[in-house]
Amino acid sequence: MSTYTPTVEDLIDKLAKLPGIGKKTAVRLALHILRSSPDDAQALARSILRVKERIGFCRTCFNIAEGEECTICRNYQRDRSLLCVVEEPSDLMAIEATGVFKGLYHVLHGVIAPLDGIGPQELKIAELLDRLQQGGVAEVILATNPTVEGDATSLYLAKIIKPLGITVTRIAQGIPAGGDIEYVDSKTMTRSLEGRREV
């Protein structure tokens, strides 16, 4: 039997559905919201609704965007001959935090994982090929996580990109095997980008 009211229990259940939030953290967050002023709670609720209303995916790279294109794709100071392919927007943000990479990105929104029913058609691979066939890209950097699925996705991409005459590289393994790019520190990410090699 719950010691919380049904309304508080409902909030805890909703918070616990967020990634990385277990029951104990959800309880702490719910109690924090209860202690907050009504203005702070309403500001949080408005912010969540605004994100859902205004944020989508960039039509070019599939990063998160407010509008048709993300700020990176709109920045013509970036090196358009370099394209870094990542699994998720959080991976893009981790690479951007290093300040080292000055090219463009393409977000796959996952990896090839046959056991989970995810094949190339479920990812943004067709869109990647369309971008590459438009020309202008000299090098594709594959920055998928060093997992079985990430490696398999990189091998698949290298196989279909190389015939286009584009150099394909993979980030160096400064990232621990089985790790996630979004949790890597800036120095390790910098070494990984600088030590990339041709696939």
N, C-alpha and C. Protein backbone atom coordinates (compact mmCIF):
# COMPACT_ATOMS: atom_id res chain seq x y z
N MET A 1 0.84 -1.19 0.00
CA MET A 1 0.00 0.00 0.00
C MET A 1 0.88 1.25 0.00
N SER A 2 0.54 2.20 -0.86
CA SER A 2 1.34 3.42 -0.99
C SER A 2 1.09 4.35 0.19
N THR A 3 2.17 5.04 0.60
CA THR A 3 2.04 6.04 1.67
C THR A 3 1.76 7.42 1.08
N TYR A 4 1.69 7.52 -0.24
CA TYR A 4 1.44 8.80 -0.91
C TYR A 4 0.00 8.86 -1.40
N THR A 5 -0.47 10.06 -1.63
CA THR A 5 -1.82 10.22 -2.18
C THR A 5 -1.81 9.74 -3.63
N PRO A 6 -2.99 9.43 -4.17
CA PRO A 6 -3.04 8.98 -5.57
C PRO A 6 -2.43 9.99 -6.55
N THR A 7 -2.61 11.28 -6.27
CA THR A 7 -2.08 12.32 -7.16
C THR A 7 -0.55 12.33 -7.13
N VAL A 8 0.04 12.23 -5.94
CA VAL A 8 1.49 12.20 -5.81
C VAL A 8 2.03 10.90 -6.40
N GLU A 9 1.34 9.80 -6.15
CA GLU A 9 1.76 8.51 -6.70
C GLU A 9 1.77 8.55 -8.24
N ASP A 10 0.79 9.23 -8.81
CA ASP A 10 0.73 9.36 -10.27
C ASP A 10 1.94 10.16 -10.78
N LEU A 11 2.30 11.23 -10.08
CA LEU A 11 3.47 12.03 -10.46
C LEU A 11 4.74 11.19 -10.36
N ILE A 12 4.88 10.44 -9.30
CA ILE A 12 6.05 9.56 -9.11
C ILE A 12 6.13 8.55 -10.26
N ASP A 13 4.99 7.95 -10.61
CA ASP A 13 4.97 6.97 -11.70
C ASP A 13 5.40 7.60 -13.03
N LYS A 14 4.93 8.83 -13.29
CA LYS A 14 5.29 9.51 -14.54
C LYS A 14 6.78 9.85 -14.56
N LEU A 15 7.31 10.34 -13.43
CA LEU A 15 8.73 10.69 -13.36
C LEU A 15 9.62 9.45 -13.49
N ALA A 16 9.17 8.32 -12.92
CA ALA A 16 9.95 7.08 -12.97
C ALA A 16 10.05 6.52 -14.38
N LYS A 17 9.21 6.98 -15.30
CA LYS A 17 9.28 6.53 -16.69
C LYS A 17 10.38 7.22 -17.48
N LEU A 18 10.94 8.30 -16.91
CA LEU A 18 12.04 9.00 -17.58
C LEU A 18 13.29 8.14 -17.53
N PRO A 19 14.12 8.18 -18.59
CA PRO A 19 15.33 7.34 -18.60
C PRO A 19 16.29 7.74 -17.48
N GLY A 20 16.83 6.72 -16.81
CA GLY A 20 17.79 6.97 -15.74
C GLY A 20 17.16 7.37 -14.42
N ILE A 21 15.84 7.41 -14.35
CA ILE A 21 15.15 7.79 -13.13
C ILE A 21 14.47 6.55 -12.55
N GLY A 22 14.98 6.11 -11.40
CA GLY A 22 14.36 4.99 -10.70
C GLY A 22 13.29 5.49 -9.75
N LYS A 23 12.70 4.57 -9.02
CA LYS A 23 11.61 4.92 -8.09
C LYS A 23 12.07 5.91 -7.02
N LYS A 24 13.26 5.68 -6.41
CA LYS A 24 13.73 6.56 -5.35
C LYS A 24 13.97 7.99 -5.85
N THR A 25 14.59 8.09 -7.03
CA THR A 25 14.84 9.42 -7.60
C THR A 25 13.52 10.09 -7.96
N ALA A 26 12.56 9.31 -8.47
CA ALA A 26 11.25 9.85 -8.81
C ALA A 26 10.55 10.40 -7.57
N VAL A 27 10.68 9.70 -6.45
CA VAL A 27 10.10 10.19 -5.19
C VAL A 27 10.76 11.51 -4.79
N ARG A 28 12.10 11.58 -4.87
CA ARG A 28 12.81 12.82 -4.52
C ARG A 28 12.38 13.98 -5.41
N LEU A 29 12.25 13.72 -6.72
CA LEU A 29 11.83 14.77 -7.64
C LEU A 29 10.40 15.22 -7.34
N ALA A 30 9.51 14.25 -7.09
CA ALA A 30 8.12 14.59 -6.78
C ALA A 30 8.03 15.44 -5.51
N LEU A 31 8.79 15.06 -4.48
CA LEU A 31 8.78 15.84 -3.24
C LEU A 31 9.38 17.22 -3.44
N HIS A 32 10.38 17.33 -4.30
CA HIS A 32 10.96 18.64 -4.62
C HIS A 32 9.91 19.52 -5.31
N ILE A 33 9.17 18.94 -6.26
CA ILE A 33 8.12 19.69 -6.95
C ILE A 33 7.05 20.13 -5.96
N LEU A 34 6.71 19.26 -5.01
CA LEU A 34 5.72 19.63 -3.99
C LEU A 34 6.19 20.80 -3.13
N ARG A 35 7.49 20.84 -2.82
CA ARG A 35 8.03 21.93 -2.01
C ARG A 35 8.22 23.23 -2.80
N SER A 36 8.26 23.11 -4.14
CA SER A 36 8.47 24.28 -4.98
C SER A 36 7.26 25.21 -4.91
N SER A 37 7.49 26.45 -5.27
CA SER A 37 6.38 27.41 -5.32
C SER A 37 5.48 27.06 -6.50
N PRO A 38 4.22 27.46 -6.46
CA PRO A 38 3.32 27.21 -7.60
C PRO A 38 3.89 27.80 -8.89
N ASP A 39 4.55 28.97 -8.80
CA ASP A 39 5.14 29.59 -9.99
C ASP A 39 6.23 28.72 -10.59
N ASP A 40 7.09 28.16 -9.74
CA ASP A 40 8.17 27.29 -10.24
C ASP A 40 7.61 26.02 -10.87
N ALA A 41 6.60 25.43 -10.25
CA ALA A 41 5.98 24.21 -10.79
C ALA A 41 5.32 24.51 -12.13
N GLN A 42 4.63 25.65 -12.22
CA GLN A 42 3.99 26.01 -13.49
C GLN A 42 5.03 26.32 -14.57
N ALA A 43 6.15 26.94 -14.19
CA ALA A 43 7.22 27.23 -15.14
C ALA A 43 7.80 25.93 -15.70
N LEU A 44 7.98 24.94 -14.83
CA LEU A 44 8.47 23.63 -15.28
C LEU A 44 7.49 22.98 -16.25
N ALA A 45 6.20 23.00 -15.89
CA ALA A 45 5.17 22.41 -16.75
C ALA A 45 5.11 23.12 -18.10
N ARG A 46 5.20 24.46 -18.09
CA ARG A 46 5.18 25.23 -19.34
C ARG A 46 6.40 24.90 -20.20
N SER A 47 7.55 24.75 -19.56
CA SER A 47 8.77 24.44 -20.29
C SER A 47 8.67 23.09 -20.98
N ILE A 48 8.12 22.10 -20.29
CA ILE A 48 7.93 20.77 -20.87
C ILE A 48 6.97 20.85 -22.07
N LEU A 49 5.87 21.56 -21.91
CA LEU A 49 4.90 21.70 -23.01
C LEU A 49 5.50 22.45 -24.19
N ARG A 50 6.29 23.50 -23.91
CA ARG A 50 6.93 24.27 -24.98
C ARG A 50 7.88 23.40 -25.80
N VAL A 51 8.64 22.56 -25.11
CA VAL A 51 9.56 21.66 -25.81
C VAL A 51 8.77 20.73 -26.74
N LYS A 52 7.67 20.19 -26.25
CA LYS A 52 6.87 19.28 -27.07
C LYS A 52 6.22 20.00 -28.25
N GLU A 53 5.89 21.27 -28.07
CA GLU A 53 5.23 22.03 -29.14
C GLU A 53 6.22 22.56 -30.18
N ARG A 54 7.40 22.98 -29.73
CA ARG A 54 8.32 23.72 -30.61
C ARG A 54 9.50 22.93 -31.15
N ILE A 55 9.87 21.84 -30.49
CA ILE A 55 11.09 21.13 -30.87
C ILE A 55 10.76 19.91 -31.72
N GLY A 56 11.52 19.78 -32.79
CA GLY A 56 11.39 18.61 -33.66
C GLY A 56 12.78 18.18 -34.08
N PHE A 57 12.88 17.60 -35.26
CA PHE A 57 14.17 17.16 -35.77
C PHE A 57 14.52 17.94 -37.02
N CYS A 58 15.79 18.26 -37.14
CA CYS A 58 16.33 18.98 -38.30
C CYS A 58 16.04 18.18 -39.57
N ARG A 59 15.56 18.85 -40.60
CA ARG A 59 15.23 18.16 -41.85
C ARG A 59 16.47 17.66 -42.58
N THR A 60 17.65 18.20 -42.21
CA THR A 60 18.88 17.82 -42.89
C THR A 60 19.64 16.73 -42.15
N CYS A 61 19.91 16.95 -40.83
CA CYS A 61 20.77 16.01 -40.10
C CYS A 61 20.03 15.20 -39.03
N PHE A 62 18.80 15.58 -38.71
CA PHE A 62 17.96 14.89 -37.72
C PHE A 62 18.41 15.10 -36.28
N ASN A 63 19.17 16.17 -36.05
CA ASN A 63 19.46 16.64 -34.70
C ASN A 63 18.19 17.32 -34.19
N ILE A 64 18.12 17.57 -32.88
CA ILE A 64 16.97 18.32 -32.38
C ILE A 64 17.05 19.75 -32.91
N ALA A 65 15.90 20.32 -33.21
CA ALA A 65 15.87 21.66 -33.82
C ALA A 65 14.60 22.39 -33.43
N GLU A 66 14.75 23.69 -33.34
CA GLU A 66 13.59 24.56 -33.16
C GLU A 66 13.40 25.26 -34.50
N GLY A 67 12.54 24.71 -35.32
CA GLY A 67 12.39 25.16 -36.70
C GLY A 67 12.80 24.04 -37.64
N GLU A 68 12.94 24.39 -38.93
CA GLU A 68 13.23 23.37 -39.95
C GLU A 68 14.64 22.80 -39.86
N GLU A 69 15.62 23.66 -39.51
CA GLU A 69 17.01 23.21 -39.45
C GLU A 69 17.62 23.54 -38.10
N CYS A 70 18.58 22.71 -37.67
CA CYS A 70 19.26 22.96 -36.40
C CYS A 70 20.30 24.07 -36.57
N THR A 71 20.80 24.58 -35.46
CA THR A 71 21.77 25.68 -35.51
C THR A 71 23.07 25.25 -36.18
N ILE A 72 23.45 23.99 -36.08
CA ILE A 72 24.69 23.52 -36.70
C ILE A 72 24.56 23.52 -38.22
N CYS A 73 23.48 23.00 -38.75
CA CYS A 73 23.27 22.99 -40.20
C CYS A 73 23.14 24.40 -40.78
N ARG A 74 22.63 25.32 -39.98
CA ARG A 74 22.48 26.71 -40.44
C ARG A 74 23.79 27.49 -40.38
N ASN A 75 24.80 26.95 -39.72
CA ASN A 75 26.07 27.65 -39.53
C ASN A 75 26.99 27.38 -40.72
N TYR A 76 27.13 28.36 -41.61
CA TYR A 76 27.94 28.17 -42.81
C TYR A 76 29.43 28.37 -42.56
N GLN A 77 29.82 28.58 -41.31
CA GLN A 77 31.23 28.62 -40.94
C GLN A 77 31.77 27.19 -40.74
N ARG A 78 30.89 26.21 -40.65
CA ARG A 78 31.30 24.83 -40.42
C ARG A 78 31.84 24.22 -41.70
N ASP A 79 32.75 23.24 -41.54
CA ASP A 79 33.36 22.55 -42.67
C ASP A 79 32.37 21.54 -43.24
N ARG A 80 31.81 21.85 -44.40
CA ARG A 80 30.77 21.01 -44.99
C ARG A 80 31.32 19.79 -45.71
N SER A 81 32.65 19.68 -45.77
CA SER A 81 33.24 18.49 -46.39
C SER A 81 33.40 17.34 -45.39
N LEU A 82 33.20 17.63 -44.09
CA LEU A 82 33.30 16.62 -43.03
C LEU A 82 31.92 16.33 -42.47
N LEU A 83 31.56 15.06 -42.41
CA LEU A 83 30.26 14.67 -41.87
C LEU A 83 30.45 13.58 -40.83
N CYS A 84 30.05 13.85 -39.60
CA CYS A 84 30.18 12.92 -38.50
C CYS A 84 28.84 12.24 -38.25
N VAL A 85 28.82 10.93 -38.33
CA VAL A 85 27.58 10.16 -38.15
C VAL A 85 27.53 9.63 -36.72
N VAL A 86 26.45 9.96 -36.01
CA VAL A 86 26.28 9.53 -34.62
C VAL A 86 24.96 8.79 -34.45
N GLU A 87 24.85 8.10 -33.33
CA GLU A 87 23.62 7.34 -33.06
C GLU A 87 22.47 8.24 -32.62
N GLU A 88 22.73 9.14 -31.68
CA GLU A 88 21.66 9.93 -31.05
C GLU A 88 22.07 11.39 -30.92
N PRO A 89 21.10 12.30 -30.76
CA PRO A 89 21.44 13.71 -30.53
C PRO A 89 22.35 13.91 -29.32
N SER A 90 22.22 13.09 -28.28
CA SER A 90 23.07 13.22 -27.09
C SER A 90 24.53 12.95 -27.43
N ASP A 91 24.80 12.08 -28.41
CA ASP A 91 26.17 11.82 -28.84
C ASP A 91 26.73 13.05 -29.56
N LEU A 92 25.90 13.66 -30.40
CA LEU A 92 26.29 14.90 -31.08
C LEU A 92 26.68 15.96 -30.06
N MET A 93 25.87 16.11 -29.02
CA MET A 93 26.14 17.11 -27.99
C MET A 93 27.45 16.83 -27.26
N ALA A 94 27.76 15.55 -27.03
CA ALA A 94 29.02 15.19 -26.36
C ALA A 94 30.21 15.58 -27.23
N ILE A 95 30.11 15.34 -28.53
CA ILE A 95 31.20 15.71 -29.44
C ILE A 95 31.32 17.22 -29.52
N GLU A 96 30.20 17.92 -29.62
CA GLU A 96 30.22 19.38 -29.69
C GLU A 96 30.85 20.00 -28.44
N ALA A 97 30.66 19.36 -27.29
CA ALA A 97 31.20 19.89 -26.03
C ALA A 97 32.73 19.93 -26.04
N THR A 98 33.38 19.13 -26.90
CA THR A 98 34.84 19.16 -26.97
C THR A 98 35.34 20.41 -27.66
N GLY A 99 34.53 20.99 -28.54
CA GLY A 99 34.95 22.17 -29.31
C GLY A 99 35.95 21.85 -30.40
N VAL A 100 36.21 20.56 -30.66
CA VAL A 100 37.24 20.14 -31.62
C VAL A 100 36.68 19.98 -33.03
N PHE A 101 35.51 19.37 -33.14
CA PHE A 101 34.96 19.04 -34.45
C PHE A 101 34.22 20.24 -35.03
N LYS A 102 34.56 20.61 -36.26
CA LYS A 102 33.97 21.79 -36.89
C LYS A 102 33.18 21.46 -38.15
N GLY A 103 32.89 20.18 -38.36
CA GLY A 103 32.12 19.78 -39.52
C GLY A 103 30.63 19.71 -39.22
N LEU A 104 29.91 18.94 -40.03
CA LEU A 104 28.48 18.74 -39.86
C LEU A 104 28.21 17.34 -39.31
N TYR A 105 26.96 17.05 -39.00
CA TYR A 105 26.57 15.78 -38.40
C TYR A 105 25.43 15.14 -39.18
N HIS A 106 25.25 13.85 -38.89
CA HIS A 106 24.04 13.13 -39.31
C HIS A 106 23.68 12.19 -38.16
N VAL A 107 22.45 12.29 -37.66
CA VAL A 107 22.00 11.49 -36.52
C VAL A 107 21.15 10.33 -37.04
N LEU A 108 21.58 9.11 -36.73
CA LEU A 108 20.88 7.91 -37.20
C LEU A 108 19.60 7.60 -36.42
N HIS A 109 19.56 8.01 -35.17
CA HIS A 109 18.45 7.67 -34.25
C HIS A 109 18.40 6.18 -33.98
N GLY A 110 19.58 5.65 -33.63
CA GLY A 110 19.67 4.25 -33.24
C GLY A 110 20.79 3.54 -33.97
N VAL A 111 20.82 2.23 -33.80
CA VAL A 111 21.80 1.37 -34.47
C VAL A 111 21.09 0.14 -35.00
N ILE A 112 21.76 -0.52 -35.92
CA ILE A 112 21.21 -1.77 -36.46
C ILE A 112 21.26 -2.81 -35.34
N ALA A 113 20.10 -3.36 -34.99
CA ALA A 113 20.01 -4.35 -33.91
C ALA A 113 18.96 -5.38 -34.30
N PRO A 114 19.35 -6.39 -35.11
CA PRO A 114 18.38 -7.38 -35.60
C PRO A 114 17.59 -8.07 -34.51
N LEU A 115 18.22 -8.33 -33.36
CA LEU A 115 17.50 -9.01 -32.28
C LEU A 115 16.37 -8.16 -31.71
N ASP A 116 16.48 -6.83 -31.89
CA ASP A 116 15.42 -5.91 -31.45
C ASP A 116 14.51 -5.51 -32.60
N GLY A 117 14.72 -6.12 -33.76
CA GLY A 117 13.89 -5.81 -34.92
C GLY A 117 14.23 -4.48 -35.58
N ILE A 118 15.46 -3.99 -35.37
CA ILE A 118 15.87 -2.72 -35.96
C ILE A 118 16.86 -2.98 -37.09
N GLY A 119 16.41 -2.72 -38.29
CA GLY A 119 17.27 -2.86 -39.46
C GLY A 119 17.63 -1.50 -40.02
N PRO A 120 18.38 -1.44 -41.10
CA PRO A 120 18.78 -0.16 -41.70
C PRO A 120 17.60 0.74 -42.06
N GLN A 121 16.48 0.13 -42.44
CA GLN A 121 15.31 0.91 -42.85
C GLN A 121 14.66 1.67 -41.69
N GLU A 122 14.92 1.25 -40.46
CA GLU A 122 14.37 1.95 -39.29
C GLU A 122 15.22 3.16 -38.89
N LEU A 123 16.39 3.29 -39.45
CA LEU A 123 17.32 4.37 -39.11
C LEU A 123 17.32 5.41 -40.24
N LYS A 124 18.05 6.50 -40.03
CA LYS A 124 18.13 7.58 -41.01
C LYS A 124 19.28 7.34 -42.00
N ILE A 125 19.39 6.09 -42.47
CA ILE A 125 20.47 5.72 -43.39
C ILE A 125 20.15 6.14 -44.82
N ALA A 126 18.91 5.97 -45.27
CA ALA A 126 18.53 6.39 -46.63
C ALA A 126 18.74 7.89 -46.79
N GLU A 127 18.40 8.64 -45.73
CA GLU A 127 18.58 10.10 -45.75
C GLU A 127 20.07 10.46 -45.79
N LEU A 128 20.89 9.68 -45.10
CA LEU A 128 22.34 9.89 -45.13
C LEU A 128 22.87 9.70 -46.55
N LEU A 129 22.46 8.63 -47.21
CA LEU A 129 22.91 8.37 -48.57
C LEU A 129 22.46 9.47 -49.52
N ASP A 130 21.24 9.96 -49.34
CA ASP A 130 20.76 11.09 -50.16
C ASP A 130 21.66 12.31 -49.99
N ARG A 131 22.04 12.61 -48.76
CA ARG A 131 22.94 13.75 -48.50
C ARG A 131 24.28 13.56 -49.20
N LEU A 132 24.82 12.35 -49.08
CA LEU A 132 26.15 12.09 -49.65
C LEU A 132 26.12 12.14 -51.18
N GLN A 133 25.03 11.71 -51.78
CA GLN A 133 24.93 11.71 -53.24
C GLN A 133 24.78 13.11 -53.81
N GLN A 134 24.43 14.08 -52.97
CA GLN A 134 24.35 15.47 -53.42
C GLN A 134 25.74 16.08 -53.61
N GLY A 135 26.77 15.40 -53.10
CA GLY A 135 28.15 15.85 -53.27
C GLY A 135 28.59 16.82 -52.20
N GLY A 136 29.90 17.10 -52.20
CA GLY A 136 30.46 18.07 -51.27
C GLY A 136 31.08 17.47 -50.03
N VAL A 137 30.74 16.21 -49.70
CA VAL A 137 31.31 15.56 -48.51
C VAL A 137 32.53 14.75 -48.93
N ALA A 138 33.68 15.04 -48.31
CA ALA A 138 34.93 14.34 -48.63
C ALA A 138 35.21 13.21 -47.65
N GLU A 139 34.76 13.38 -46.40
CA GLU A 139 35.03 12.37 -45.37
C GLU A 139 33.81 12.18 -44.48
N VAL A 140 33.48 10.93 -44.23
CA VAL A 140 32.43 10.57 -43.27
C VAL A 140 33.12 9.94 -42.07
N ILE A 141 32.90 10.51 -40.89
CA ILE A 141 33.46 9.98 -39.65
C ILE A 141 32.35 9.19 -38.96
N LEU A 142 32.58 7.92 -38.75
CA LEU A 142 31.59 7.07 -38.09
C LEU A 142 31.87 7.12 -36.58
N ALA A 143 30.95 7.71 -35.84
CA ALA A 143 31.12 7.89 -34.40
C ALA A 143 30.00 7.16 -33.65
N THR A 144 29.82 5.90 -34.00
CA THR A 144 28.85 5.08 -33.26
C THR A 144 29.54 4.54 -32.01
N ASN A 145 28.75 4.15 -31.04
CA ASN A 145 29.31 3.62 -29.79
C ASN A 145 30.08 2.33 -30.04
N PRO A 146 31.14 2.07 -29.26
CA PRO A 146 31.92 0.85 -29.44
C PRO A 146 31.24 -0.37 -28.80
N THR A 147 30.06 -0.68 -29.31
CA THR A 147 29.30 -1.85 -28.86
C THR A 147 29.17 -2.78 -30.07
N VAL A 148 28.65 -3.97 -29.87
CA VAL A 148 28.46 -4.89 -30.98
C VAL A 148 27.57 -4.25 -32.04
N GLU A 149 26.47 -3.64 -31.60
CA GLU A 149 25.54 -3.01 -32.55
C GLU A 149 26.16 -1.78 -33.21
N GLY A 150 26.89 -0.97 -32.42
CA GLY A 150 27.55 0.21 -32.98
C GLY A 150 28.59 -0.16 -34.01
N ASP A 151 29.38 -1.20 -33.71
CA ASP A 151 30.41 -1.67 -34.66
C ASP A 151 29.76 -2.23 -35.93
N ALA A 152 28.70 -2.99 -35.76
CA ALA A 152 28.01 -3.57 -36.92
C ALA A 152 27.42 -2.46 -37.80
N THR A 153 26.87 -1.43 -37.18
CA THR A 153 26.32 -0.31 -37.92
C THR A 153 27.42 0.42 -38.69
N SER A 154 28.57 0.63 -38.04
CA SER A 154 29.70 1.28 -38.71
C SER A 154 30.18 0.47 -39.91
N LEU A 155 30.29 -0.84 -39.75
CA LEU A 155 30.73 -1.69 -40.86
C LEU A 155 29.74 -1.64 -42.02
N TYR A 156 28.46 -1.66 -41.68
CA TYR A 156 27.42 -1.58 -42.72
C TYR A 156 27.52 -0.25 -43.46
N LEU A 157 27.67 0.85 -42.71
CA LEU A 157 27.74 2.17 -43.34
C LEU A 157 28.99 2.29 -44.21
N ALA A 158 30.13 1.80 -43.71
CA ALA A 158 31.38 1.86 -44.49
C ALA A 158 31.20 1.13 -45.82
N LYS A 159 30.54 -0.02 -45.77
CA LYS A 159 30.34 -0.84 -46.97
C LYS A 159 29.50 -0.12 -48.03
N ILE A 160 28.51 0.66 -47.60
CA ILE A 160 27.65 1.33 -48.59
C ILE A 160 28.14 2.73 -48.96
N ILE A 161 29.02 3.32 -48.13
CA ILE A 161 29.51 4.67 -48.42
C ILE A 161 30.77 4.65 -49.29
N LYS A 162 31.67 3.71 -49.06
CA LYS A 162 32.94 3.65 -49.80
C LYS A 162 32.76 3.66 -51.32
N PRO A 163 31.78 2.93 -51.86
CA PRO A 163 31.60 2.95 -53.33
C PRO A 163 31.28 4.35 -53.89
N LEU A 164 30.90 5.29 -53.03
CA LEU A 164 30.61 6.65 -53.48
C LEU A 164 31.88 7.47 -53.65
N GLY A 165 33.04 6.87 -53.32
CA GLY A 165 34.31 7.57 -53.45
C GLY A 165 34.59 8.53 -52.31
N ILE A 166 33.94 8.32 -51.18
CA ILE A 166 34.11 9.18 -50.00
C ILE A 166 34.98 8.44 -48.98
N THR A 167 35.93 9.15 -48.38
CA THR A 167 36.76 8.55 -47.33
C THR A 167 35.89 8.28 -46.12
N VAL A 168 36.00 7.07 -45.57
CA VAL A 168 35.23 6.69 -44.38
C VAL A 168 36.22 6.40 -43.26
N THR A 169 36.05 7.11 -42.12
CA THR A 169 36.89 6.87 -40.95
C THR A 169 36.01 6.52 -39.76
N ARG A 170 36.64 5.91 -38.78
CA ARG A 170 35.93 5.54 -37.53
C ARG A 170 36.67 6.22 -36.39
N ILE A 171 35.96 6.75 -35.42
CA ILE A 171 36.64 7.37 -34.30
C ILE A 171 37.53 6.35 -33.61
N ALA A 172 38.66 6.84 -33.09
CA ALA A 172 39.61 5.95 -32.41
C ALA A 172 38.97 5.38 -31.15
N GLN A 173 39.53 4.29 -30.68
CA GLN A 173 38.95 3.62 -29.53
C GLN A 173 39.46 4.16 -28.20
N GLY A 174 39.47 5.47 -28.06
CA GLY A 174 39.75 6.07 -26.76
C GLY A 174 38.54 5.88 -25.86
N ILE A 175 37.41 5.57 -26.48
CA ILE A 175 36.18 5.33 -25.74
C ILE A 175 36.17 3.86 -25.32
N PRO A 176 35.90 3.55 -24.06
CA PRO A 176 35.94 2.15 -23.64
C PRO A 176 34.88 1.31 -24.34
N ALA A 177 35.26 0.08 -24.65
CA ALA A 177 34.32 -0.85 -25.29
C ALA A 177 33.10 -1.02 -24.39
N GLY A 178 31.94 -0.95 -25.00
CA GLY A 178 30.69 -1.09 -24.24
C GLY A 178 30.22 0.22 -23.64
N GLY A 179 31.00 1.30 -23.82
CA GLY A 179 30.63 2.60 -23.26
C GLY A 179 29.71 3.38 -24.19
N ASP A 180 29.14 4.46 -23.69
CA ASP A 180 28.28 5.34 -24.47
C ASP A 180 28.98 6.67 -24.68
N ILE A 181 28.93 7.17 -25.90
CA ILE A 181 29.59 8.43 -26.25
C ILE A 181 29.11 9.57 -25.36
N GLU A 182 27.82 9.62 -25.05
CA GLU A 182 27.30 10.77 -24.30
C GLU A 182 27.89 10.88 -22.89
N TYR A 183 28.53 9.82 -22.37
CA TYR A 183 29.09 9.85 -21.03
C TYR A 183 30.61 10.00 -21.01
N VAL A 184 31.22 10.16 -22.19
CA VAL A 184 32.67 10.25 -22.28
C VAL A 184 33.13 11.67 -21.98
N ASP A 185 34.26 11.78 -21.25
CA ASP A 185 34.79 13.10 -20.93
C ASP A 185 35.39 13.76 -22.18
N SER A 186 35.57 15.07 -22.14
CA SER A 186 36.01 15.84 -23.30
C SER A 186 37.39 15.42 -23.80
N LYS A 187 38.34 15.14 -22.90
CA LYS A 187 39.68 14.75 -23.34
C LYS A 187 39.66 13.44 -24.11
N THR A 188 38.92 12.46 -23.60
CA THR A 188 38.83 11.17 -24.28
C THR A 188 38.17 11.34 -25.64
N MET A 189 37.11 12.16 -25.69
CA MET A 189 36.43 12.40 -26.96
C MET A 189 37.35 13.09 -27.95
N THR A 190 38.15 14.05 -27.47
CA THR A 190 39.09 14.74 -28.34
C THR A 190 40.10 13.76 -28.92
N ARG A 191 40.66 12.88 -28.08
CA ARG A 191 41.62 11.88 -28.57
C ARG A 191 40.96 10.93 -29.57
N SER A 192 39.72 10.58 -29.32
CA SER A 192 39.01 9.68 -30.22
C SER A 192 38.83 10.31 -31.60
N LEU A 193 38.46 11.59 -31.62
CA LEU A 193 38.28 12.28 -32.91
C LEU A 193 39.61 12.46 -33.62
N GLU A 194 40.62 12.87 -32.90
CA GLU A 194 41.92 13.14 -33.52
C GLU A 194 42.60 11.85 -33.98
N GLY A 195 42.33 10.73 -33.32
CA GLY A 195 42.95 9.45 -33.66
C GLY A 195 42.11 8.58 -34.56
N ARG A 196 41.10 9.17 -35.23
CA ARG A 196 40.25 8.35 -36.10
C ARG A 196 41.07 7.75 -37.23
N ARG A 197 40.56 6.64 -37.77
CA ARG A 197 41.28 5.94 -38.84
C ARG A 197 40.33 5.52 -39.92
N GLU A 198 40.87 5.27 -41.09
CA GLU A 198 40.05 4.86 -42.21
C GLU A 198 39.52 3.46 -41.98
N VAL A 199 38.28 3.22 -42.36
CA VAL A 199 37.63 1.93 -42.18
C VAL A 199 37.87 1.08 -43.42
